[in-house]
Amino acid sequence: MRNFKYCLSDIPKQHRELASLLGVDLYIKFCNLYGGSNIYIPTIKTLNNYARKDNIIAMSEDGHTVKEIAREFDLSTNYIRYILKKNLAD
């Protein structure tokens, strides 16, 4: 397969914002990996929830109490216990 040199004007209009955000070279790599497939891109809220869960687990492993963790994240102690219990099951 021939390697072409791409510029932003070569990208279809509906994809230029993404290509501009990533940069054309990275956009081409993205196309090579995921072209033709449907992918789910999480919202920032979902990413924040995953990061928060990881931080909660790390704090628990560092010896913080459920009450301390709940206070840190402004969550109920029951929800902290739920997160920690679910992590043990995974």
C-alpha atoms as a PDB file:
ATOM      1  CA  MET A   1       0.000   0.000   0.000  1.00  0.00           C
ATOM      2  CA  ARG A   2       1.304   3.429  -0.935  1.00  0.00           C
ATOM      3  CA  ASN A   3       1.962   5.961   1.829  1.00  0.00           C
ATOM      4  CA  PHE A   4       0.367   9.285   1.043  1.00  0.00           C
ATOM      5  CA  LYS A   5       1.143  12.611   2.637  1.00  0.00           C
ATOM      6  CA  TYR A   6      -2.153  13.950   4.003  1.00  0.00           C
ATOM      7  CA  CYS A   7      -3.141  17.464   4.933  1.00  0.00           C
ATOM      8  CA  LEU A   8      -6.255  18.731   6.695  1.00  0.00           C
ATOM      9  CA  SER A   9      -7.967  19.621   3.422  1.00  0.00           C
ATOM     10  CA  ASP A  10      -7.767  15.929   2.384  1.00  0.00           C
ATOM     11  CA  ILE A  11      -9.943  14.927   5.344  1.00  0.00           C
ATOM     12  CA  PRO A  12     -13.741  14.852   4.785  1.00  0.00           C
ATOM     13  CA  LYS A  13     -15.385  17.965   6.234  1.00  0.00           C
ATOM     14  CA  GLN A  14     -17.355  16.071   8.888  1.00  0.00           C
ATOM     15  CA  HIS A  15     -14.087  14.670  10.291  1.00  0.00           C
ATOM     16  CA  ARG A  16     -11.859  17.728  10.130  1.00  0.00           C
ATOM     17  CA  GLU A  17     -12.581  18.837  13.688  1.00  0.00           C
ATOM     18  CA  LEU A  18     -11.339  15.500  15.010  1.00  0.00           C
ATOM     19  CA  ALA A  19      -8.350  15.531  12.649  1.00  0.00           C
ATOM     20  CA  SER A  20      -7.534  19.059  13.735  1.00  0.00           C
ATOM     21  CA  LEU A  21      -7.800  18.104  17.410  1.00  0.00           C
ATOM     22  CA  LEU A  22      -5.643  14.984  17.081  1.00  0.00           C
ATOM     23  CA  GLY A  23      -3.366  16.217  14.332  1.00  0.00           C
ATOM     24  CA  VAL A  24      -3.484  14.739  10.845  1.00  0.00           C
ATOM     25  CA  ASP A  25      -0.827  12.056  11.463  1.00  0.00           C
ATOM     26  CA  LEU A  26      -2.545  10.758  14.588  1.00  0.00           C
ATOM     27  CA  TYR A  27      -5.925  10.951  12.857  1.00  0.00           C
ATOM     28  CA  ILE A  28      -4.576   8.709  10.072  1.00  0.00           C
ATOM     29  CA  LYS A  29      -3.324   6.201  12.670  1.00  0.00           C
ATOM     30  CA  PHE A  30      -6.752   6.352  14.314  1.00  0.00           C
ATOM     31  CA  CYS A  31      -8.362   5.605  10.932  1.00  0.00           C
ATOM     32  CA  ASN A  32      -6.017   2.658  10.376  1.00  0.00           C
ATOM     33  CA  LEU A  33      -6.943   1.179  13.753  1.00  0.00           C
ATOM     34  CA  TYR A  34     -10.675   1.913  13.893  1.00  0.00           C
ATOM     35  CA  GLY A  35     -11.717   2.749  10.331  1.00  0.00           C
ATOM     36  CA  GLY A  36     -15.057   1.193   9.432  1.00  0.00           C
ATOM     37  CA  SER A  37     -15.933   0.188  13.001  1.00  0.00           C
ATOM     38  CA  ASN A  38     -18.354   1.698  15.471  1.00  0.00           C
ATOM     39  CA  ILE A  39     -16.680   2.767  18.686  1.00  0.00           C
ATOM     40  CA  TYR A  40     -18.068   4.196  21.900  1.00  0.00           C
ATOM     41  CA  ILE A  41     -16.397   7.348  23.151  1.00  0.00           C
ATOM     42  CA  PRO A  42     -17.227   7.946  26.808  1.00  0.00           C
ATOM     43  CA  THR A  43     -18.331  11.277  28.175  1.00  0.00           C
ATOM     44  CA  ILE A  44     -16.002  13.172  30.483  1.00  0.00           C
ATOM     45  CA  LYS A  45     -18.428  12.365  33.314  1.00  0.00           C
ATOM     46  CA  THR A  46     -17.910   8.649  32.710  1.00  0.00           C
ATOM     47  CA  LEU A  47     -14.124   9.099  32.642  1.00  0.00           C
ATOM     48  CA  ASN A  48     -14.327  11.074  35.894  1.00  0.00           C
ATOM     49  CA  ASN A  49     -16.337   8.276  37.510  1.00  0.00           C
ATOM     50  CA  TYR A  50     -13.708   5.696  36.530  1.00  0.00           C
ATOM     51  CA  ALA A  51     -10.910   7.891  37.865  1.00  0.00           C
ATOM     52  CA  ARG A  52     -12.840   8.542  41.092  1.00  0.00           C
ATOM     53  CA  LYS A  53     -13.397   4.789  41.551  1.00  0.00           C
ATOM     54  CA  ASP A  54      -9.674   4.131  41.090  1.00  0.00           C
ATOM     55  CA  ASN A  55      -8.833   6.850  43.619  1.00  0.00           C
ATOM     56  CA  ILE A  56     -11.321   5.425  46.116  1.00  0.00           C
ATOM     57  CA  ILE A  57      -9.783   1.964  45.780  1.00  0.00           C
ATOM     58  CA  ALA A  58      -6.254   3.384  46.132  1.00  0.00           C
ATOM     59  CA  MET A  59      -7.210   5.326  49.269  1.00  0.00           C
ATOM     60  CA  SER A  60      -8.745   2.188  50.764  1.00  0.00           C
ATOM     61  CA  GLU A  61      -5.604   0.185  49.972  1.00  0.00           C
ATOM     62  CA  ASP A  62      -3.542   2.947  51.618  1.00  0.00           C
ATOM     63  CA  GLY A  63      -5.474   2.398  54.850  1.00  0.00           C
ATOM     64  CA  HIS A  64      -8.003   5.230  54.781  1.00  0.00           C
ATOM     65  CA  THR A  65     -11.312   4.473  56.437  1.00  0.00           C
ATOM     66  CA  VAL A  66     -14.598   4.364  54.552  1.00  0.00           C
ATOM     67  CA  LYS A  67     -15.696   7.468  56.435  1.00  0.00           C
ATOM     68  CA  GLU A  68     -12.552   9.394  55.418  1.00  0.00           C
ATOM     69  CA  ILE A  69     -12.973   8.384  51.779  1.00  0.00           C
ATOM     70  CA  ALA A  70     -16.654   9.311  51.795  1.00  0.00           C
ATOM     71  CA  ARG A  71     -15.804  12.733  53.181  1.00  0.00           C
ATOM     72  CA  GLU A  72     -13.045  13.256  50.599  1.00  0.00           C
ATOM     73  CA  PHE A  73     -15.351  12.528  47.652  1.00  0.00           C
ATOM     74  CA  ASP A  74     -18.579  13.868  49.187  1.00  0.00           C
ATOM     75  CA  LEU A  75     -20.248  10.475  48.847  1.00  0.00           C
ATOM     76  CA  SER A  76     -22.154   8.322  51.299  1.00  0.00           C
ATOM     77  CA  THR A  77     -20.319   5.630  53.239  1.00  0.00           C
ATOM     78  CA  ASN A  78     -22.767   3.095  51.768  1.00  0.00           C
ATOM     79  CA  TYR A  79     -21.753   4.060  48.231  1.00  0.00           C
ATOM     80  CA  ILE A  80     -18.054   3.816  49.126  1.00  0.00           C
ATOM     81  CA  ARG A  81     -18.654   0.329  50.537  1.00  0.00           C
ATOM     82  CA  TYR A  82     -20.562  -0.582  47.346  1.00  0.00           C
ATOM     83  CA  ILE A  83     -17.630   0.546  45.157  1.00  0.00           C
ATOM     84  CA  LEU A  84     -15.108  -1.362  47.285  1.00  0.00           C
ATOM     85  CA  LYS A  85     -17.273  -4.491  47.407  1.00  0.00           C
ATOM     86  CA  LYS A  86     -17.821  -4.399  43.646  1.00  0.00           C
ATOM     87  CA  ASN A  87     -14.060  -4.050  43.132  1.00  0.00           C
ATOM     88  CA  LEU A  88     -13.446  -7.221  45.168  1.00  0.00           C
ATOM     89  CA  ALA A  89     -15.936  -9.110  42.994  1.00  0.00           C
ATOM     90  CA  ASP A  90     -14.230  -7.981  39.759  1.00  0.00           C
END
